[in-house]
Amino acid sequence: MPALNRRNFLHSLSITAAPVLLGAADSFFRVTRHAGRWWFLDPSGKHTFSLGLNHLDPATLRYGPDGGLWHSRYSNNMERWLRDKVRPDLLRWGFNCLGWNQEVIVRGPTNHSHSRPFTFDEYQWLGLPYCHLLPFTEFHQWEAQTRHPDLFATEFEDWCDHVAREHCVPFARDPKLIGYFYVDCPTWVHTRPENEWKGPLFDPARLTTEAGRKELTALATRYYKVTHDAIRRYDRNHLILGDRYEAAAALPEEVVLAARPYIDVLSFQQFGAPAKVRADFDKWRGVVDLPILLADGAGNLRTPSGVVRHDTKKYADVMAVLRDNPNCVGFHLCGAYQANRVRRRGLLDEQERPDEEVVAAITAVNRETTRWAERAAH
């Protein structure tokens, strides 16, 4: 069973503060009920609503035969980029954490892949609270090239133990780590055209019978228990944020109920309209009384030139919906920090020029939400 008193979140640092390991050695992110709702709680005891930016990858700076801005502006130095550019930008824009750094780099019918996760040192150079995804399995809804694992096989347990040793041991004592995600939009009972060849992890037709529903419960319980136990062997301190469920896809209650004893937060990808966000999160709040994190969401506005911009009105409207939901603990924006030629949407363009109108609007929403959280938590 997960330790329910090990749920927390770290408040943002000032722009001028040096990135350091914050908090005492036994002080980590928690979640707690307070003033009629769930909150993240930072190591200092401050109730916080998570405002994260997702998809942060320096490869965009490297376009060009001479390595582009990566050499001319940052001298091939990751630490300089993270400390001197990324960190001040995120704080100036009102974000208080990095939601998930990995960015889509190729998107096709046979290969849809994301960039690598940050290393421990890279998170330290950024110096902000962060979430980290553990690669226990690859049944993401966008993943087209990897077959499903056998969750009951011994090698699945062995692999999970390796992943936990590889990832969790370095992070286990870092107070800035919010917690661990698993799969980005798992295909428990649905598929996308690019991964129809392997089908969903579980045949949804079998849910029409009680025997089939019990079988799914057993499968999901096995998955969540093995992954949870692997983490807890090496890290007893940090939140388990679990799978980032796709809110627009079928998600049987059996899966979420099986996860319930082994996770600390219910995480979703949700790109729907504000009314749909409200309905979905109200529904899941009634199924399991857990904190809910909108771990990935955004709205797109496509210009005649093909540039994709953030829909800032939708960002504000969804944020208002989440603030009304007493289980919601945060909103992580599906960025990206900088537009690449695959996603084509970002707060900065290839030359690091900000979309001034979008940045100003998002900053205003973030700052107002922070002020709301400070008032609501008293």
Protein backbone atom coordinates (compact mmCIF):
# COMPACT_ATOMS: atom_id res chain seq x y z
CA MET A 1 0.00 0.00 0.00
CA PRO A 2 1.36 3.46 -0.75
CA ALA A 3 2.30 5.70 2.14
CA LEU A 4 -0.49 8.30 2.15
CA ASN A 5 1.61 10.74 4.14
CA ARG A 6 4.22 10.91 1.40
CA ARG A 7 2.37 13.23 -0.96
CA ASN A 8 3.72 16.69 -1.53
CA PHE A 9 4.72 19.51 -3.80
CA LEU A 10 7.48 22.12 -3.77
CA HIS A 11 6.70 25.81 -4.05
CA SER A 12 8.42 27.82 -6.78
CA LEU A 13 11.78 29.41 -6.16
CA SER A 14 12.56 33.06 -6.82
CA ILE A 15 14.15 33.81 -10.18
CA THR A 16 17.38 34.92 -8.55
CA ALA A 17 17.75 31.96 -6.19
CA ALA A 18 20.40 29.40 -7.07
CA PRO A 19 19.08 25.90 -7.85
CA VAL A 20 19.72 23.72 -4.83
CA LEU A 21 18.33 20.63 -3.19
CA LEU A 22 15.59 22.09 -1.03
CA GLY A 23 14.12 20.89 2.22
CA ALA A 24 15.35 18.53 4.87
CA ALA A 25 16.42 15.01 3.97
CA ASP A 26 13.08 13.66 5.18
CA SER A 27 10.90 16.39 3.62
CA PHE A 28 9.15 15.48 0.38
CA PHE A 29 6.07 16.26 -1.64
CA ARG A 30 2.71 15.36 -0.17
CA VAL A 31 -0.97 15.78 -0.91
CA THR A 32 -3.41 16.72 1.78
CA ARG A 33 -6.97 17.82 2.39
CA HIS A 34 -7.29 21.39 3.59
CA ALA A 35 -9.94 24.10 3.41
CA GLY A 36 -12.40 21.83 1.65
CA ARG A 37 -10.18 20.51 -1.15
CA TRP A 38 -7.09 18.49 -2.02
CA TRP A 39 -3.75 20.31 -2.32
CA PHE A 40 -0.14 19.60 -3.04
CA LEU A 41 1.89 20.44 0.06
CA ASP A 42 5.48 21.56 -0.30
CA PRO A 43 8.23 20.58 2.18
CA SER A 44 7.82 23.89 3.97
CA GLY A 45 4.13 23.13 4.55
CA LYS A 46 2.68 25.50 1.94
CA HIS A 47 -0.51 24.40 0.14
CA THR A 48 0.09 24.71 -3.59
CA PHE A 49 -1.77 24.31 -6.87
CA SER A 50 0.57 22.86 -9.50
CA LEU A 51 1.15 25.03 -12.58
CA GLY A 52 3.44 23.08 -14.88
CA LEU A 53 4.79 23.38 -18.39
CA ASN A 54 5.35 20.19 -20.41
CA HIS A 55 7.69 19.31 -23.28
CA LEU A 56 11.05 20.96 -22.88
CA ASP A 57 13.78 19.77 -25.25
CA PRO A 58 16.84 21.72 -26.50
CA ALA A 59 17.03 19.91 -29.85
CA THR A 60 15.10 22.74 -31.52
CA LEU A 61 18.09 25.00 -30.88
CA ARG A 62 20.30 22.69 -32.94
CA TYR A 63 18.66 23.11 -36.34
CA GLY A 64 21.26 24.19 -38.93
CA PRO A 65 24.57 22.83 -40.22
CA ASP A 66 26.61 24.63 -37.56
CA GLY A 67 24.49 23.56 -34.60
CA GLY A 68 22.45 26.76 -34.61
CA LEU A 69 21.78 28.64 -31.40
CA TRP A 70 22.95 25.70 -29.33
CA HIS A 71 26.56 26.60 -30.09
CA SER A 72 26.34 30.33 -30.80
CA ARG A 73 24.22 31.21 -27.76
CA TYR A 74 24.83 28.40 -25.24
CA SER A 75 28.27 27.05 -26.21
CA ASN A 76 26.99 23.48 -26.26
CA ASN A 77 26.26 23.76 -22.54
CA MET A 78 23.07 22.20 -21.17
CA GLU A 79 23.62 23.66 -17.71
CA ARG A 80 23.84 27.19 -19.10
CA TRP A 81 20.62 26.77 -21.10
CA LEU A 82 18.65 25.38 -18.16
CA ARG A 83 19.97 27.79 -15.52
CA ASP A 84 20.18 31.00 -17.51
CA LYS A 85 17.30 30.69 -19.96
CA VAL A 86 14.70 28.04 -19.14
CA ARG A 87 14.41 28.52 -15.39
CA PRO A 88 13.94 32.31 -15.48
CA ASP A 89 11.41 31.99 -18.32
CA LEU A 90 9.23 29.46 -16.49
CA LEU A 91 9.21 31.49 -13.31
CA ARG A 92 8.57 34.76 -15.14
CA TRP A 93 5.60 33.15 -16.90
CA GLY A 94 4.06 32.03 -13.60
CA PHE A 95 4.78 28.31 -13.76
CA ASN A 96 5.93 26.63 -10.56
CA CYS A 97 7.19 23.30 -11.92
CA LEU A 98 8.23 21.25 -14.92
CA GLY A 99 5.34 18.92 -15.68
CA TRP A 100 7.15 16.50 -18.03
CA ASN A 101 10.18 17.35 -20.13
CA GLN A 102 9.99 14.77 -22.95
CA GLU A 103 8.90 16.24 -26.29
CA VAL A 104 7.51 14.58 -29.42
CA ILE A 105 10.32 14.42 -32.00
CA VAL A 106 8.91 12.15 -34.70
CA ARG A 107 5.26 11.44 -35.44
CA GLY A 108 4.41 8.87 -38.08
CA PRO A 109 2.40 5.69 -38.68
CA THR A 110 5.33 3.40 -37.82
CA ASN A 111 7.35 5.51 -35.41
CA HIS A 112 6.04 8.05 -32.92
CA SER A 113 8.68 8.87 -30.35
CA HIS A 114 9.58 11.39 -27.68
CA SER A 115 12.93 12.81 -26.64
CA ARG A 116 14.85 11.36 -23.73
CA PRO A 117 14.04 12.23 -20.11
CA PHE A 118 16.26 14.63 -18.25
CA THR A 119 19.02 13.24 -16.09
CA PHE A 120 19.24 13.91 -12.37
CA ASP A 121 21.88 16.59 -12.96
CA GLU A 122 19.75 18.33 -15.59
CA TYR A 123 16.82 18.57 -13.19
CA GLN A 124 19.19 20.07 -10.63
CA TRP A 125 20.41 22.67 -13.12
CA LEU A 126 16.81 23.64 -13.81
CA GLY A 127 16.29 23.93 -10.07
CA LEU A 128 12.49 23.67 -10.10
CA PRO A 129 10.03 21.04 -8.91
CA TYR A 130 9.51 18.39 -11.57
CA CYS A 131 7.75 15.15 -12.47
CA HIS A 132 9.55 12.18 -14.02
CA LEU A 133 8.13 9.42 -16.21
CA LEU A 134 9.26 5.83 -15.54
CA PRO A 135 9.46 3.62 -18.68
CA PHE A 136 7.91 0.50 -17.16
CA THR A 137 5.90 -0.17 -20.33
CA GLU A 138 5.33 1.41 -23.75
CA PHE A 139 1.59 1.03 -24.37
CA HIS A 140 1.12 4.76 -24.87
CA GLN A 141 -1.76 5.54 -27.22
CA TRP A 142 0.62 7.30 -29.62
CA GLU A 143 3.25 4.51 -29.63
CA ALA A 144 3.30 2.52 -32.88
CA GLN A 145 6.39 0.33 -32.77
CA THR A 146 6.51 -1.77 -29.58
CA ARG A 147 4.46 -4.84 -28.77
CA HIS A 148 2.65 -5.22 -25.47
CA PRO A 149 4.42 -6.80 -22.50
CA ASP A 150 3.19 -9.90 -20.70
CA LEU A 151 2.34 -8.35 -17.36
CA PHE A 152 2.23 -11.74 -15.64
CA ALA A 153 5.67 -12.80 -16.86
CA THR A 154 8.62 -12.89 -14.47
CA GLU A 155 10.60 -10.72 -16.85
CA PHE A 156 8.08 -7.92 -16.40
CA GLU A 157 8.86 -7.90 -12.68
CA ASP A 158 12.59 -8.01 -13.46
CA TRP A 159 12.28 -5.11 -15.90
CA CYS A 160 10.31 -2.99 -13.43
CA ASP A 161 12.92 -3.63 -10.75
CA HIS A 162 15.64 -2.52 -13.16
CA VAL A 163 13.72 0.64 -14.13
CA ALA A 164 13.23 1.52 -10.47
CA ARG A 165 16.90 0.96 -9.67
CA GLU A 166 17.98 2.97 -12.73
CA HIS A 167 15.64 5.91 -12.16
CA CYS A 168 14.41 5.99 -8.57
CA VAL A 169 17.67 5.48 -6.71
CA PRO A 170 19.21 8.75 -8.00
CA PHE A 171 16.00 10.68 -7.32
CA ALA A 172 14.97 9.14 -4.01
CA ARG A 173 16.42 11.92 -1.84
CA ASP A 174 15.57 14.91 -4.02
CA PRO A 175 12.90 17.13 -2.39
CA LYS A 176 12.23 18.83 -5.74
CA LEU A 177 10.85 15.65 -7.31
CA ILE A 178 7.05 15.81 -7.22
CA GLY A 179 6.54 12.19 -8.23
CA TYR A 180 6.55 9.53 -10.91
CA PHE A 181 4.33 9.12 -13.96
CA TYR A 182 3.98 5.81 -15.79
CA VAL A 183 2.41 5.52 -19.26
CA ASP A 184 1.36 8.55 -21.28
CA CYS A 185 -2.25 7.70 -22.24
CA PRO A 186 -2.28 3.89 -21.82
CA THR A 187 -4.28 1.84 -24.29
CA TRP A 188 -6.02 -0.38 -21.76
CA VAL A 189 -9.08 -0.94 -23.97
CA HIS A 190 -8.64 1.45 -26.91
CA THR A 191 -6.31 1.92 -29.85
CA ARG A 192 -5.32 4.57 -32.36
CA PRO A 193 -4.93 3.87 -36.10
CA GLU A 194 -1.14 3.60 -35.83
CA ASN A 195 -1.23 0.89 -33.15
CA GLU A 196 -4.29 -1.06 -34.22
CA TRP A 197 -1.93 -3.82 -35.31
CA LYS A 198 -1.22 -4.73 -31.68
CA GLY A 199 -4.66 -3.98 -30.32
CA PRO A 200 -5.48 -2.74 -26.82
CA LEU A 201 -3.93 -4.30 -23.77
CA PHE A 202 -7.33 -5.87 -22.95
CA ASP A 203 -10.16 -6.75 -25.34
CA PRO A 204 -13.08 -4.42 -24.47
CA ALA A 205 -15.59 -6.99 -25.76
CA ARG A 206 -14.78 -9.11 -22.71
CA LEU A 207 -16.13 -6.40 -20.42
CA THR A 208 -19.67 -7.46 -21.27
CA THR A 209 -19.34 -10.38 -18.83
CA GLU A 210 -18.58 -10.48 -15.12
CA ALA A 211 -15.76 -12.94 -15.79
CA GLY A 212 -14.20 -10.51 -18.24
CA ARG A 213 -14.42 -7.60 -15.81
CA LYS A 214 -12.76 -9.70 -13.12
CA GLU A 215 -10.02 -10.61 -15.58
CA LEU A 216 -9.34 -6.93 -16.31
CA THR A 217 -9.27 -6.19 -12.58
CA ALA A 218 -6.69 -8.93 -12.08
CA LEU A 219 -4.56 -7.67 -14.98
CA ALA A 220 -4.63 -4.05 -13.82
CA THR A 221 -4.00 -5.03 -10.20
CA ARG A 222 -0.94 -7.01 -11.27
CA TYR A 223 0.41 -4.05 -13.26
CA TYR A 224 -0.11 -1.43 -10.56
CA LYS A 225 1.15 -3.64 -7.75
CA VAL A 226 4.35 -4.68 -9.55
CA THR A 227 5.19 -1.11 -10.56
CA HIS A 228 4.33 0.31 -7.14
CA ASP A 229 6.38 -2.33 -5.32
CA ALA A 230 9.37 -1.77 -7.60
CA ILE A 231 9.36 1.95 -6.82
CA ARG A 232 8.91 1.47 -3.10
CA ARG A 233 11.86 -0.91 -2.89
CA TYR A 234 14.12 2.00 -3.84
CA ASP A 235 12.16 5.17 -3.09
CA ARG A 236 9.70 5.42 -0.22
CA ASN A 237 9.57 9.20 -0.33
CA HIS A 238 7.87 10.43 -3.47
CA LEU A 239 4.39 10.53 -4.92
CA ILE A 240 3.21 7.94 -7.39
CA LEU A 241 1.30 9.87 -10.05
CA GLY A 242 0.57 6.75 -12.11
CA ASP A 243 -0.63 6.57 -15.69
CA ARG A 244 -1.66 9.75 -17.47
CA TYR A 245 -5.06 8.50 -18.65
CA GLU A 246 -6.57 9.79 -21.89
CA ALA A 247 -9.84 11.39 -20.79
CA ALA A 248 -11.30 11.22 -24.31
CA ALA A 249 -10.83 7.45 -24.61
CA ALA A 250 -12.63 4.54 -23.00
CA LEU A 251 -11.38 3.92 -19.48
CA PRO A 252 -13.10 1.15 -17.49
CA GLU A 253 -13.63 1.83 -13.82
CA GLU A 254 -12.00 -1.54 -13.12
CA VAL A 255 -8.64 -0.09 -14.17
CA VAL A 256 -8.86 2.98 -11.93
CA LEU A 257 -10.21 1.02 -8.96
CA ALA A 258 -7.35 -1.45 -9.33
CA ALA A 259 -4.88 1.44 -9.35
CA ARG A 260 -6.44 3.11 -6.31
CA PRO A 261 -4.40 1.32 -3.59
CA TYR A 262 -1.13 1.85 -5.46
CA ILE A 263 -1.16 5.50 -6.58
CA ASP A 264 -1.38 8.87 -4.83
CA VAL A 265 -2.84 11.04 -7.60
CA LEU A 266 -5.22 10.37 -10.49
CA SER A 267 -3.59 11.88 -13.61
CA PHE A 268 -5.26 12.67 -16.92
CA GLN A 269 -4.56 14.02 -20.37
CA GLN A 270 -7.61 16.14 -21.23
CA PHE A 271 -7.89 18.33 -24.33
CA GLY A 272 -11.68 18.69 -24.25
CA ALA A 273 -13.77 21.82 -23.94
CA PRO A 274 -14.15 23.29 -20.44
CA ALA A 275 -17.62 21.74 -20.01
CA LYS A 276 -16.20 18.31 -20.91
CA VAL A 277 -13.32 18.78 -18.46
CA ARG A 278 -15.84 19.61 -15.74
CA ALA A 279 -18.03 16.59 -16.50
CA ASP A 280 -15.14 14.13 -16.74
CA PHE A 281 -13.41 15.22 -13.55
CA ASP A 282 -16.69 15.34 -11.62
CA LYS A 283 -17.32 11.78 -12.78
CA TRP A 284 -13.95 10.45 -11.66
CA ARG A 285 -14.14 12.33 -8.37
CA GLY A 286 -17.25 10.26 -7.70
CA VAL A 287 -15.50 6.99 -8.57
CA VAL A 288 -12.37 7.41 -6.44
CA ASP A 289 -11.74 10.17 -3.94
CA LEU A 290 -8.17 10.94 -4.98
CA PRO A 291 -6.45 14.17 -5.94
CA ILE A 292 -6.82 14.77 -9.68
CA LEU A 293 -4.09 16.29 -11.82
CA LEU A 294 -4.70 17.56 -15.34
CA ALA A 295 -1.26 16.36 -16.40
CA ASP A 296 -1.49 17.42 -20.06
CA GLY A 297 -3.96 19.73 -21.78
CA ALA A 298 -4.14 22.67 -24.17
CA GLY A 299 -6.16 24.29 -26.92
CA ASN A 300 -4.91 25.03 -30.45
CA LEU A 301 -5.50 27.97 -32.73
CA ARG A 302 -4.24 27.36 -36.29
CA THR A 303 -3.23 30.43 -38.29
CA PRO A 304 -3.48 30.68 -42.13
CA SER A 305 0.32 30.41 -42.30
CA GLY A 306 0.23 27.03 -40.55
CA VAL A 307 1.58 28.26 -37.22
CA VAL A 308 -0.15 26.67 -34.24
CA ARG A 309 -0.80 28.99 -31.29
CA HIS A 310 -2.17 28.35 -27.82
CA ASP A 311 -5.84 29.12 -27.25
CA THR A 312 -5.42 31.32 -24.19
CA LYS A 313 -9.15 31.78 -23.61
CA LYS A 314 -9.52 28.02 -23.32
CA TYR A 315 -6.55 27.92 -20.95
CA ALA A 316 -8.26 30.44 -18.68
CA ASP A 317 -11.65 28.73 -18.90
CA VAL A 318 -10.25 25.27 -18.13
CA MET A 319 -8.25 26.69 -15.23
CA ALA A 320 -11.47 28.13 -13.79
CA VAL A 321 -13.14 24.73 -14.05
CA LEU A 322 -10.25 23.05 -12.25
CA ARG A 323 -10.29 25.61 -9.48
CA ASP A 324 -13.96 24.77 -8.93
CA ASN A 325 -13.21 21.05 -8.55
CA PRO A 326 -12.21 20.30 -4.93
CA ASN A 327 -10.17 17.27 -6.01
CA CYS A 328 -8.07 19.05 -8.61
CA VAL A 329 -4.48 19.84 -7.59
CA GLY A 330 -3.02 21.29 -10.78
CA PHE A 331 -2.86 21.94 -14.51
CA HIS A 332 0.21 21.10 -16.62
CA LEU A 333 0.12 22.83 -20.00
CA CYS A 334 0.93 20.76 -23.08
CA GLY A 335 3.61 23.27 -24.17
CA ALA A 336 5.93 23.17 -25.71
CA TYR A 337 8.51 25.47 -24.23
CA GLN A 338 9.88 25.95 -27.73
CA ALA A 339 8.15 24.96 -30.97
CA ASN A 340 9.83 22.26 -33.01
CA ARG A 341 8.96 21.15 -36.54
CA VAL A 342 6.86 18.22 -35.35
CA ARG A 343 4.56 19.71 -32.70
CA ARG A 344 4.79 23.21 -34.24
CA ARG A 345 3.42 24.82 -31.08
CA GLY A 346 5.39 26.54 -28.36
CA LEU A 347 5.76 29.64 -26.23
CA LEU A 348 9.02 30.36 -28.06
CA ASP A 349 9.77 29.90 -31.76
CA GLU A 350 12.93 28.35 -33.22
CA GLN A 351 14.87 31.58 -32.66
CA GLU A 352 13.66 31.82 -29.03
CA ARG A 353 11.31 34.68 -29.86
CA PRO A 354 8.28 34.51 -27.54
CA ASP A 355 4.69 34.62 -28.75
CA GLU A 356 4.17 37.80 -26.73
CA GLU A 357 0.37 37.82 -26.74
CA VAL A 358 0.11 34.18 -25.71
CA VAL A 359 2.83 34.43 -23.08
CA ALA A 360 1.23 37.50 -21.52
CA ALA A 361 -2.20 35.85 -21.33
CA ILE A 362 -0.88 32.58 -19.87
CA THR A 363 1.24 34.49 -17.36
CA ALA A 364 -1.80 36.46 -16.20
CA VAL A 365 -3.84 33.26 -15.69
CA ASN A 366 -0.98 31.59 -13.81
CA ARG A 367 -0.42 34.53 -11.50
CA GLU A 368 -4.11 34.91 -10.74
CA THR A 369 -4.32 31.16 -10.01
CA THR A 370 -1.39 31.43 -7.61
CA ARG A 371 -3.11 34.32 -5.82
CA TRP A 372 -6.34 32.30 -5.69
CA ALA A 373 -4.49 29.33 -4.19
CA GLU A 374 -2.94 31.50 -1.51
CA ARG A 375 -6.37 32.88 -0.56
CA ALA A 376 -8.19 29.55 -0.78
CA ALA A 377 -5.64 27.71 1.34
CA HIS A 378 -6.12 30.01 4.34
